[in-house]
Amino acid sequence: MLKGLGDLGNLMKMQKEMKNMQRKLKKTSLEGESKDSTVKAVVNGEYHLVDIRIEPQLIRDGDLKKVEKNVLTAVNDAVEKIKDFSASEMAKLTGGMDLSGFLK
């Protein structure tokens, strides 16, 4: 008669763990950089850019296109790192099940 209650308890536990994971991811920040390391960008778990650093020499060189390219590369690198980290952390919790639709 009460067989399903164990499953309900497991679902509630998993929901709590998911919320804890989401809080952890929100607090996480990772750094990406341009190929030549002249630009570094930090993105948090909510995919917001929280910091960017540009080597002064890159600005002094006056190559605007290079600055723009390096900024894009660094930001994209940081975004990819945080995406990979988030996916890895979620996989630990879900045992590899894709629950991305539930996290929006």
PDB file of N, CA and C in Angstrom:
ATOM      1  N   MET A   1       0.820  -1.203   0.000  1.00  0.00           N
ATOM      2  CA  MET A   1       0.000   0.000   0.000  1.00  0.00           C
ATOM      3  C   MET A   1       0.861   1.265   0.000  1.00  0.00           C
ATOM      4  N   LEU A   2       1.963   1.293   0.742  1.00  0.00           N
ATOM      5  CA  LEU A   2       2.790   2.497   0.838  1.00  0.00           C
ATOM      6  C   LEU A   2       4.130   2.334   0.131  1.00  0.00           C
ATOM      7  N   LYS A   3       4.176   1.466  -0.869  1.00  0.00           N
ATOM      8  CA  LYS A   3       5.429   1.202  -1.571  1.00  0.00           C
ATOM      9  C   LYS A   3       6.050   2.461  -2.188  1.00  0.00           C
ATOM     10  N   GLY A   4       5.243   3.325  -2.741  1.00  0.00           N
ATOM     11  CA  GLY A   4       5.731   4.503  -3.457  1.00  0.00           C
ATOM     12  C   GLY A   4       6.343   5.567  -2.568  1.00  0.00           C
ATOM     13  N   LEU A   5       6.143   5.500  -1.272  1.00  0.00           N
ATOM     14  CA  LEU A   5       6.659   6.553  -0.394  1.00  0.00           C
ATOM     15  C   LEU A   5       8.182   6.580  -0.339  1.00  0.00           C
ATOM     16  N   GLY A   6       8.835   5.444  -0.509  1.00  0.00           N
ATOM     17  CA  GLY A   6      10.291   5.423  -0.547  1.00  0.00           C
ATOM     18  C   GLY A   6      10.813   6.213  -1.725  1.00  0.00           C
ATOM     19  N   ASP A   7      10.152   6.057  -2.874  1.00  0.00           N
ATOM     20  CA  ASP A   7      10.534   6.818  -4.067  1.00  0.00           C
ATOM     21  C   ASP A   7      10.320   8.309  -3.852  1.00  0.00           C
ATOM     22  N   LEU A   8       9.232   8.662  -3.191  1.00  0.00           N
ATOM     23  CA  LEU A   8       8.940  10.063  -2.912  1.00  0.00           C
ATOM     24  C   LEU A   8      10.028  10.660  -2.020  1.00  0.00           C
ATOM     25  N   GLY A   9      10.453   9.892  -1.026  1.00  0.00           N
ATOM     26  CA  GLY A   9      11.529  10.346  -0.147  1.00  0.00           C
ATOM     27  C   GLY A   9      12.821  10.560  -0.910  1.00  0.00           C
ATOM     28  N   ASN A  10      13.118   9.651  -1.830  1.00  0.00           N
ATOM     29  CA  ASN A  10      14.324   9.797  -2.652  1.00  0.00           C
ATOM     30  C   ASN A  10      14.241  11.034  -3.541  1.00  0.00           C
ATOM     31  N   LEU A  11      13.060  11.281  -4.098  1.00  0.00           N
ATOM     32  CA  LEU A  11      12.879  12.468  -4.946  1.00  0.00           C
ATOM     33  C   LEU A  11      13.050  13.748  -4.144  1.00  0.00           C
ATOM     34  N   MET A  12      12.516  13.763  -2.948  1.00  0.00           N
ATOM     35  CA  MET A  12      12.648  14.951  -2.100  1.00  0.00           C
ATOM     36  C   MET A  12      14.108  15.182  -1.711  1.00  0.00           C
ATOM     37  N   LYS A  13      14.806  14.088  -1.411  1.00  0.00           N
ATOM     38  CA  LYS A  13      16.224  14.198  -1.076  1.00  0.00           C
ATOM     39  C   LYS A  13      17.012  14.737  -2.273  1.00  0.00           C
ATOM     40  N   MET A  14      16.713  14.200  -3.457  1.00  0.00           N
ATOM     41  CA  MET A  14      17.413  14.649  -4.660  1.00  0.00           C
ATOM     42  C   MET A  14      17.102  16.119  -4.949  1.00  0.00           C
ATOM     43  N   GLN A  15      15.864  16.536  -4.727  1.00  0.00           N
ATOM     44  CA  GLN A  15      15.492  17.932  -4.942  1.00  0.00           C
ATOM     45  C   GLN A  15      16.313  18.838  -4.012  1.00  0.00           C
ATOM     46  N   LYS A  16      16.458  18.439  -2.763  1.00  0.00           N
ATOM     47  CA  LYS A  16      17.241  19.229  -1.804  1.00  0.00           C
ATOM     48  C   LYS A  16      18.705  19.297  -2.253  1.00  0.00           C
ATOM     49  N   GLU A  17      19.252  18.149  -2.685  1.00  0.00           N
ATOM     50  CA  GLU A  17      20.635  18.120  -3.155  1.00  0.00           C
ATOM     51  C   GLU A  17      20.818  18.999  -4.389  1.00  0.00           C
ATOM     52  N   MET A  18      19.819  19.014  -5.266  1.00  0.00           N
ATOM     53  CA  MET A  18      19.884  19.858  -6.469  1.00  0.00           C
ATOM     54  C   MET A  18      19.922  21.341  -6.087  1.00  0.00           C
ATOM     55  N   LYS A  19      19.095  21.719  -5.128  1.00  0.00           N
ATOM     56  CA  LYS A  19      19.087  23.122  -4.687  1.00  0.00           C
ATOM     57  C   LYS A  19      20.437  23.499  -4.079  1.00  0.00           C
ATOM     58  N   ASN A  20      21.008  22.598  -3.286  1.00  0.00           N
ATOM     59  CA  ASN A  20      22.335  22.848  -2.710  1.00  0.00           C
ATOM     60  C   ASN A  20      23.378  22.987  -3.813  1.00  0.00           C
ATOM     61  N   MET A  21      23.287  22.130  -4.826  1.00  0.00           N
ATOM     62  CA  MET A  21      24.223  22.194  -5.957  1.00  0.00           C
ATOM     63  C   MET A  21      24.078  23.511  -6.700  1.00  0.00           C
ATOM     64  N   GLN A  22      22.852  23.949  -6.917  1.00  0.00           N
ATOM     65  CA  GLN A  22      22.634  25.218  -7.616  1.00  0.00           C
ATOM     66  C   GLN A  22      23.238  26.379  -6.826  1.00  0.00           C
ATOM     67  N   ARG A  23      23.090  26.351  -5.497  1.00  0.00           N
ATOM     68  CA  ARG A  23      23.698  27.403  -4.665  1.00  0.00           C
ATOM     69  C   ARG A  23      25.222  27.366  -4.797  1.00  0.00           C
ATOM     70  N   LYS A  24      25.779  26.161  -4.798  1.00  0.00           N
ATOM     71  CA  LYS A  24      27.233  26.015  -4.944  1.00  0.00           C
ATOM     72  C   LYS A  24      27.690  26.566  -6.291  1.00  0.00           C
ATOM     73  N   LEU A  25      26.966  26.241  -7.337  1.00  0.00           N
ATOM     74  CA  LEU A  25      27.345  26.699  -8.672  1.00  0.00           C
ATOM     75  C   LEU A  25      27.262  28.220  -8.780  1.00  0.00           C
ATOM     76  N   LYS A  26      26.264  28.818  -8.142  1.00  0.00           N
ATOM     77  CA  LYS A  26      26.128  30.280  -8.176  1.00  0.00           C
ATOM     78  C   LYS A  26      27.337  30.960  -7.542  1.00  0.00           C
ATOM     79  N   LYS A  27      27.919  30.317  -6.535  1.00  0.00           N
ATOM     80  CA  LYS A  27      29.064  30.891  -5.821  1.00  0.00           C
ATOM     81  C   LYS A  27      30.396  30.619  -6.516  1.00  0.00           C
ATOM     82  N   THR A  28      30.379  29.741  -7.505  1.00  0.00           N
ATOM     83  CA  THR A  28      31.614  29.348  -8.186  1.00  0.00           C
ATOM     84  C   THR A  28      31.964  30.350  -9.278  1.00  0.00           C
ATOM     85  N   SER A  29      33.235  30.675  -9.397  1.00  0.00           N
ATOM     86  CA  SER A  29      33.749  31.515 -10.476  1.00  0.00           C
ATOM     87  C   SER A  29      34.969  30.838 -11.073  1.00  0.00           C
ATOM     88  N   LEU A  30      35.077  30.911 -12.389  1.00  0.00           N
ATOM     89  CA  LEU A  30      36.241  30.332 -13.059  1.00  0.00           C
ATOM     90  C   LEU A  30      36.826  31.344 -14.038  1.00  0.00           C
ATOM     91  N   GLU A  31      38.132  31.237 -14.225  1.00  0.00           N
ATOM     92  CA  GLU A  31      38.856  32.184 -15.075  1.00  0.00           C
ATOM     93  C   GLU A  31      39.197  31.553 -16.420  1.00  0.00           C
ATOM     94  N   GLY A  32      39.030  32.356 -17.455  1.00  0.00           N
ATOM     95  CA  GLY A  32      39.475  31.981 -18.791  1.00  0.00           C
ATOM     96  C   GLY A  32      40.475  33.015 -19.257  1.00  0.00           C
ATOM     97  N   GLU A  33      41.210  32.679 -20.306  1.00  0.00           N
ATOM     98  CA  GLU A  33      42.200  33.636 -20.787  1.00  0.00           C
ATOM     99  C   GLU A  33      42.374  33.537 -22.291  1.00  0.00           C
ATOM    100  N   SER A  34      42.932  34.587 -22.845  1.00  0.00           N
ATOM    101  CA  SER A  34      43.257  34.575 -24.268  1.00  0.00           C
ATOM    102  C   SER A  34      44.450  33.661 -24.490  1.00  0.00           C
ATOM    103  N   LYS A  35      44.676  33.298 -25.719  1.00  0.00           N
ATOM    104  CA  LYS A  35      45.751  32.353 -26.038  1.00  0.00           C
ATOM    105  C   LYS A  35      47.120  32.856 -25.571  1.00  0.00           C
ATOM    106  N   ASP A  36      47.337  34.153 -25.644  1.00  0.00           N
ATOM    107  CA  ASP A  36      48.627  34.711 -25.220  1.00  0.00           C
ATOM    108  C   ASP A  36      48.622  35.218 -23.774  1.00  0.00           C
ATOM    109  N   SER A  37      47.528  34.957 -23.056  1.00  0.00           N
ATOM    110  CA  SER A  37      47.371  35.306 -21.633  1.00  0.00           C
ATOM    111  C   SER A  37      47.386  36.800 -21.348  1.00  0.00           C
ATOM    112  N   THR A  38      47.156  37.626 -22.353  1.00  0.00           N
ATOM    113  CA  THR A  38      47.139  39.073 -22.118  1.00  0.00           C
ATOM    114  C   THR A  38      45.788  39.560 -21.607  1.00  0.00           C
ATOM    115  N   VAL A  39      44.748  38.713 -21.748  1.00  0.00           N
ATOM    116  CA  VAL A  39      43.424  39.053 -21.237  1.00  0.00           C
ATOM    117  C   VAL A  39      42.915  37.872 -20.425  1.00  0.00           C
ATOM    118  N   LYS A  40      42.401  38.191 -19.228  1.00  0.00           N
ATOM    119  CA  LYS A  40      41.821  37.163 -18.358  1.00  0.00           C
ATOM    120  C   LYS A  40      40.420  37.612 -17.977  1.00  0.00           C
ATOM    121  N   ALA A  41      39.479  36.660 -18.035  1.00  0.00           N
ATOM    122  CA  ALA A  41      38.082  36.949 -17.716  1.00  0.00           C
ATOM    123  C   ALA A  41      37.598  35.944 -16.684  1.00  0.00           C
ATOM    124  N   VAL A  42      36.760  36.415 -15.766  1.00  0.00           N
ATOM    125  CA  VAL A  42      36.185  35.551 -14.747  1.00  0.00           C
ATOM    126  C   VAL A  42      34.669  35.556 -14.923  1.00  0.00           C
ATOM    127  N   VAL A  43      34.103  34.346 -14.993  1.00  0.00           N
ATOM    128  CA  VAL A  43      32.659  34.169 -15.142  1.00  0.00           C
ATOM    129  C   VAL A  43      32.166  33.341 -13.964  1.00  0.00           C
ATOM    130  N   ASN A  44      30.999  33.723 -13.424  1.00  0.00           N
ATOM    131  CA  ASN A  44      30.458  32.956 -12.298  1.00  0.00           C
ATOM    132  C   ASN A  44      29.492  31.881 -12.786  1.00  0.00           C
ATOM    133  N   GLY A  45      28.961  31.105 -11.859  1.00  0.00           N
ATOM    134  CA  GLY A  45      28.078  29.992 -12.180  1.00  0.00           C
ATOM    135  C   GLY A  45      26.753  30.391 -12.792  1.00  0.00           C
ATOM    136  N   GLU A  46      26.454  31.673 -12.774  1.00  0.00           N
ATOM    137  CA  GLU A  46      25.251  32.173 -13.440  1.00  0.00           C
ATOM    138  C   GLU A  46      25.592  32.740 -14.816  1.00  0.00           C
ATOM    139  N   TYR A  47      26.811  32.465 -15.264  1.00  0.00           N
ATOM    140  CA  TYR A  47      27.319  32.901 -16.574  1.00  0.00           C
ATOM    141  C   TYR A  47      27.401  34.422 -16.707  1.00  0.00           C
ATOM    142  N   HIS A  48      27.641  35.091 -15.583  1.00  0.00           N
ATOM    143  CA  HIS A  48      27.857  36.535 -15.611  1.00  0.00           C
ATOM    144  C   HIS A  48      29.358  36.814 -15.579  1.00  0.00           C
ATOM    145  N   LEU A  49      29.784  37.735 -16.398  1.00  0.00           N
ATOM    146  CA  LEU A  49      31.169  38.183 -16.383  1.00  0.00           C
ATOM    147  C   LEU A  49      31.356  39.024 -15.124  1.00  0.00           C
ATOM    148  N   VAL A  50      32.278  38.605 -14.250  1.00  0.00           N
ATOM    149  CA  VAL A  50      32.459  39.309 -12.981  1.00  0.00           C
ATOM    150  C   VAL A  50      33.791  40.055 -12.894  1.00  0.00           C
ATOM    151  N   ASP A  51      34.714  39.741 -13.788  1.00  0.00           N
ATOM    152  CA  ASP A  51      35.989  40.441 -13.776  1.00  0.00           C
ATOM    153  C   ASP A  51      36.667  40.251 -15.123  1.00  0.00           C
ATOM    154  N   ILE A  52      37.401  41.267 -15.521  1.00  0.00           N
ATOM    155  CA  ILE A  52      38.212  41.172 -16.733  1.00  0.00           C
ATOM    156  C   ILE A  52      39.484  41.978 -16.505  1.00  0.00           C
ATOM    157  N   ARG A  53      40.607  41.383 -16.891  1.00  0.00           N
ATOM    158  CA  ARG A  53      41.902  42.050 -16.728  1.00  0.00           C
ATOM    159  C   ARG A  53      42.626  42.025 -18.064  1.00  0.00           C
ATOM    160  N   ILE A  54      43.133  43.179 -18.438  1.00  0.00           N
ATOM    161  CA  ILE A  54      43.863  43.309 -19.700  1.00  0.00           C
ATOM    162  C   ILE A  54      45.261  43.819 -19.381  1.00  0.00           C
ATOM    163  N   GLU A  55      46.248  43.117 -19.897  1.00  0.00           N
ATOM    164  CA  GLU A  55      47.633  43.546 -19.691  1.00  0.00           C
ATOM    165  C   GLU A  55      47.820  44.941 -20.301  1.00  0.00           C
ATOM    166  N   PRO A  56      48.378  45.865 -19.541  1.00  0.00           N
ATOM    167  CA  PRO A  56      48.569  47.235 -20.041  1.00  0.00           C
ATOM    168  C   PRO A  56      49.343  47.295 -21.370  1.00  0.00           C
ATOM    169  N   GLN A  57      50.314  46.405 -21.552  1.00  0.00           N
ATOM    170  CA  GLN A  57      51.106  46.435 -22.784  1.00  0.00           C
ATOM    171  C   GLN A  57      50.236  46.179 -24.013  1.00  0.00           C
ATOM    172  N   LEU A  58      49.215  45.363 -23.865  1.00  0.00           N
ATOM    173  CA  LEU A  58      48.316  45.096 -24.985  1.00  0.00           C
ATOM    174  C   LEU A  58      47.608  46.374 -25.416  1.00  0.00           C
ATOM    175  N   ILE A  59      47.222  47.178 -24.458  1.00  0.00           N
ATOM    176  CA  ILE A  59      46.569  48.458 -24.763  1.00  0.00           C
ATOM    177  C   ILE A  59      47.585  49.419 -25.377  1.00  0.00           C
ATOM    178  N   ARG A  60      48.797  49.457 -24.795  1.00  0.00           N
ATOM    179  CA  ARG A  60      49.833  50.359 -25.307  1.00  0.00           C
ATOM    180  C   ARG A  60      50.189  50.051 -26.755  1.00  0.00           C
ATOM    181  N   ASP A  61      50.119  48.775 -27.113  1.00  0.00           N
ATOM    182  CA  ASP A  61      50.446  48.403 -28.493  1.00  0.00           C
ATOM    183  C   ASP A  61      49.454  49.011 -29.489  1.00  0.00           C
ATOM    184  N   GLY A  62      48.256  49.332 -29.019  1.00  0.00           N
ATOM    185  CA  GLY A  62      47.296  50.047 -29.850  1.00  0.00           C
ATOM    186  C   GLY A  62      46.591  49.230 -30.919  1.00  0.00           C
ATOM    187  N   ASP A  63      46.658  47.923 -30.847  1.00  0.00           N
ATOM    188  CA  ASP A  63      46.001  47.076 -31.844  1.00  0.00           C
ATOM    189  C   ASP A  63      44.597  46.728 -31.335  1.00  0.00           C
ATOM    190  N   LEU A  64      43.626  47.573 -31.677  1.00  0.00           N
ATOM    191  CA  LEU A  64      42.265  47.425 -31.181  1.00  0.00           C
ATOM    192  C   LEU A  64      41.662  46.071 -31.556  1.00  0.00           C
ATOM    193  N   LYS A  65      41.885  45.620 -32.757  1.00  0.00           N
ATOM    194  CA  LYS A  65      41.344  44.328 -33.197  1.00  0.00           C
ATOM    195  C   LYS A  65      41.881  43.185 -32.332  1.00  0.00           C
ATOM    196  N   LYS A  66      43.152  43.251 -31.986  1.00  0.00           N
ATOM    197  CA  LYS A  66      43.747  42.213 -31.148  1.00  0.00           C
ATOM    198  C   LYS A  66      43.144  42.250 -29.747  1.00  0.00           C
ATOM    199  N   VAL A  67      42.940  43.443 -29.213  1.00  0.00           N
ATOM    200  CA  VAL A  67      42.319  43.576 -27.890  1.00  0.00           C
ATOM    201  C   VAL A  67      40.920  42.963 -27.922  1.00  0.00           C
ATOM    202  N   GLU A  68      40.141  43.317 -28.924  1.00  0.00           N
ATOM    203  CA  GLU A  68      38.777  42.799 -29.036  1.00  0.00           C
ATOM    204  C   GLU A  68      38.766  41.276 -29.159  1.00  0.00           C
ATOM    205  N   LYS A  69      39.632  40.756 -30.000  1.00  0.00           N
ATOM    206  CA  LYS A  69      39.708  39.304 -30.201  1.00  0.00           C
ATOM    207  C   LYS A  69      40.097  38.600 -28.903  1.00  0.00           C
ATOM    208  N   ASN A  70      41.087  39.148 -28.199  1.00  0.00           N
ATOM    209  CA  ASN A  70      41.542  38.536 -26.954  1.00  0.00           C
ATOM    210  C   ASN A  70      40.484  38.587 -25.861  1.00  0.00           C
ATOM    211  N   VAL A  71      39.705  39.667 -25.805  1.00  0.00           N
ATOM    212  CA  VAL A  71      38.620  39.759 -24.830  1.00  0.00           C
ATOM    213  C   VAL A  71      37.580  38.675 -25.123  1.00  0.00           C
ATOM    214  N   LEU A  72      37.186  38.556 -26.379  1.00  0.00           N
ATOM    215  CA  LEU A  72      36.214  37.523 -26.751  1.00  0.00           C
ATOM    216  C   LEU A  72      36.733  36.124 -26.424  1.00  0.00           C
ATOM    217  N   THR A  73      37.979  35.876 -26.747  1.00  0.00           N
ATOM    218  CA  THR A  73      38.568  34.556 -26.485  1.00  0.00           C
ATOM    219  C   THR A  73      38.583  34.253 -24.996  1.00  0.00           C
ATOM    220  N   ALA A  74      38.973  35.215 -24.182  1.00  0.00           N
ATOM    221  CA  ALA A  74      39.052  35.005 -22.734  1.00  0.00           C
ATOM    222  C   ALA A  74      37.667  34.774 -22.130  1.00  0.00           C
ATOM    223  N   VAL A  75      36.694  35.558 -22.536  1.00  0.00           N
ATOM    224  CA  VAL A  75      35.335  35.404 -22.007  1.00  0.00           C
ATOM    225  C   VAL A  75      34.764  34.051 -22.430  1.00  0.00           C
ATOM    226  N   ASN A  76      34.911  33.713 -23.691  1.00  0.00           N
ATOM    227  CA  ASN A  76      34.399  32.427 -24.164  1.00  0.00           C
ATOM    228  C   ASN A  76      35.089  31.254 -23.469  1.00  0.00           C
ATOM    229  N   ASP A  77      36.368  31.370 -23.205  1.00  0.00           N
ATOM    230  CA  ASP A  77      37.106  30.336 -22.491  1.00  0.00           C
ATOM    231  C   ASP A  77      36.541  30.162 -21.077  1.00  0.00           C
ATOM    232  N   ALA A  78      36.284  31.274 -20.403  1.00  0.00           N
ATOM    233  CA  ALA A  78      35.734  31.211 -19.044  1.00  0.00           C
ATOM    234  C   ALA A  78      34.327  30.606 -19.048  1.00  0.00           C
ATOM    235  N   VAL A  79      33.521  30.967 -20.024  1.00  0.00           N
ATOM    236  CA  VAL A  79      32.158  30.423 -20.124  1.00  0.00           C
ATOM    237  C   VAL A  79      32.215  28.913 -20.348  1.00  0.00           C
ATOM    238  N   GLU A  80      33.093  28.475 -21.231  1.00  0.00           N
ATOM    239  CA  GLU A  80      33.220  27.032 -21.480  1.00  0.00           C
ATOM    240  C   GLU A  80      33.668  26.290 -20.229  1.00  0.00           C
ATOM    241  N   LYS A  81      34.584  26.876 -19.486  1.00  0.00           N
ATOM    242  CA  LYS A  81      35.059  26.236 -18.256  1.00  0.00           C
ATOM    243  C   LYS A  81      33.943  26.117 -17.227  1.00  0.00           C
ATOM    244  N   ILE A  82      33.139  27.164 -17.060  1.00  0.00           N
ATOM    245  CA  ILE A  82      32.066  27.106 -16.071  1.00  0.00           C
ATOM    246  C   ILE A  82      30.972  26.148 -16.532  1.00  0.00           C
ATOM    247  N   LYS A  83      30.719  26.078 -17.834  1.00  0.00           N
ATOM    248  CA  LYS A  83      29.741  25.110 -18.352  1.00  0.00           C
ATOM    249  C   LYS A  83      30.203  23.687 -18.097  1.00  0.00           C
ATOM    250  N   ASP A  84      31.466  23.422 -18.382  1.00  0.00           N
ATOM    251  CA  ASP A  84      32.014  22.078 -18.154  1.00  0.00           C
ATOM    252  C   ASP A  84      31.983  21.717 -16.667  1.00  0.00           C
ATOM    253  N   PHE A  85      32.346  22.680 -15.822  1.00  0.00           N
ATOM    254  CA  PHE A  85      32.325  22.450 -14.376  1.00  0.00           C
ATOM    255  C   PHE A  85      30.900  22.157 -13.902  1.00  0.00           C
ATOM    256  N   SER A  86      29.945  22.949 -14.351  1.00  0.00           N
ATOM    257  CA  SER A  86      28.550  22.758 -13.956  1.00  0.00           C
ATOM    258  C   SER A  86      28.043  21.391 -14.381  1.00  0.00           C
ATOM    259  N   ALA A  87      28.348  21.005 -15.610  1.00  0.00           N
ATOM    260  CA  ALA A  87      27.909  19.707 -16.115  1.00  0.00           C
ATOM    261  C   ALA A  87      28.543  18.572 -15.306  1.00  0.00           C
ATOM    262  N   SER A  88      29.805  18.713 -14.970  1.00  0.00           N
ATOM    263  CA  SER A  88      30.502  17.702 -14.192  1.00  0.00           C
ATOM    264  C   SER A  88      29.901  17.560 -12.794  1.00  0.00           C
ATOM    265  N   GLU A  89      29.622  18.682 -12.155  1.00  0.00           N
ATOM    266  CA  GLU A  89      29.042  18.660 -10.811  1.00  0.00           C
ATOM    267  C   GLU A  89      27.637  18.061 -10.830  1.00  0.00           C
ATOM    268  N   MET A  90      26.858  18.415 -11.820  1.00  0.00           N
ATOM    269  CA  MET A  90      25.498  17.874 -11.931  1.00  0.00           C
ATOM    270  C   MET A  90      25.537  16.375 -12.219  1.00  0.00           C
ATOM    271  N   ALA A  91      26.484  15.944 -13.033  1.00  0.00           N
ATOM    272  CA  ALA A  91      26.598  14.518 -13.349  1.00  0.00           C
ATOM    273  C   ALA A  91      26.902  13.713 -12.085  1.00  0.00           C
ATOM    274  N   LYS A  92      27.700  14.286 -11.185  1.00  0.00           N
ATOM    275  CA  LYS A  92      27.985  13.608  -9.919  1.00  0.00           C
ATOM    276  C   LYS A  92      26.700  13.386  -9.123  1.00  0.00           C
ATOM    277  N   LEU A  93      25.841  14.388  -9.161  1.00  0.00           N
ATOM    278  CA  LEU A  93      24.611  14.344  -8.391  1.00  0.00           C
ATOM    279  C   LEU A  93      23.562  13.434  -9.027  1.00  0.00           C
ATOM    280  N   THR A  94      23.473  13.457 -10.326  1.00  0.00           N
ATOM    281  CA  THR A  94      22.394  12.744 -11.019  1.00  0.00           C
ATOM    282  C   THR A  94      22.821  11.389 -11.564  1.00  0.00           C
ATOM    283  N   GLY A  95      24.064  11.048 -11.375  1.00  0.00           N
ATOM    284  CA  GLY A  95      24.538   9.775 -11.901  1.00  0.00           C
ATOM    285  C   GLY A  95      24.574   9.758 -13.411  1.00  0.00           C
ATOM    286  N   GLY A  96      24.726  10.933 -14.017  1.00  0.00           N
ATOM    287  CA  GLY A  96      24.841  11.015 -15.462  1.00  0.00           C
ATOM    288  C   GLY A  96      23.533  11.295 -16.182  1.00  0.00           C
ATOM    289  N   MET A  97      22.395  11.289 -15.467  1.00  0.00           N
ATOM    290  CA  MET A  97      21.123  11.601 -16.118  1.00  0.00           C
ATOM    291  C   MET A  97      21.113  13.071 -16.524  1.00  0.00           C
ATOM    292  N   ASP A  98      20.544  13.357 -17.703  1.00  0.00           N
ATOM    293  CA  ASP A  98      20.454  14.733 -18.163  1.00  0.00           C
ATOM    294  C   ASP A  98      19.169  15.347 -17.629  1.00  0.00           C
ATOM    295  N   LEU A  99      19.324  16.209 -16.632  1.00  0.00           N
ATOM    296  CA  LEU A  99      18.179  16.883 -16.042  1.00  0.00           C
ATOM    297  C   LEU A  99      18.194  18.382 -16.327  1.00  0.00           C
ATOM    298  N   SER A 100      18.887  18.788 -17.377  1.00  0.00           N
ATOM    299  CA  SER A 100      19.067  20.213 -17.664  1.00  0.00           C
ATOM    300  C   SER A 100      17.740  20.931 -17.846  1.00  0.00           C
ATOM    301  N   GLY A 101      16.713  20.253 -18.337  1.00  0.00           N
ATOM    302  CA  GLY A 101      15.402  20.874 -18.510  1.00  0.00           C
ATOM    303  C   GLY A 101      14.756  21.262 -17.211  1.00  0.00           C
ATOM    304  N   PHE A 102      15.114  20.616 -16.129  1.00  0.00           N
ATOM    305  CA  PHE A 102      14.537  20.908 -14.823  1.00  0.00           C
ATOM    306  C   PHE A 102      15.226  22.073 -14.118  1.00  0.00           C
ATOM    307  N   LEU A 103      16.362  22.511 -14.638  1.00  0.00           N
ATOM    308  CA  LEU A 103      17.152  23.513 -13.930  1.00  0.00           C
ATOM    309  C   LEU A 103      16.942  24.914 -14.449  1.00  0.00           C
ATOM    310  N   LYS A 104      16.019  25.118 -15.333  1.00  0.00           N
ATOM    311  CA  LYS A 104      15.799  26.448 -15.928  1.00  0.00           C
ATOM    312  C   LYS A 104      14.835  27.266 -15.144  1.00  0.00           C
TER     313      LYS A 104
END
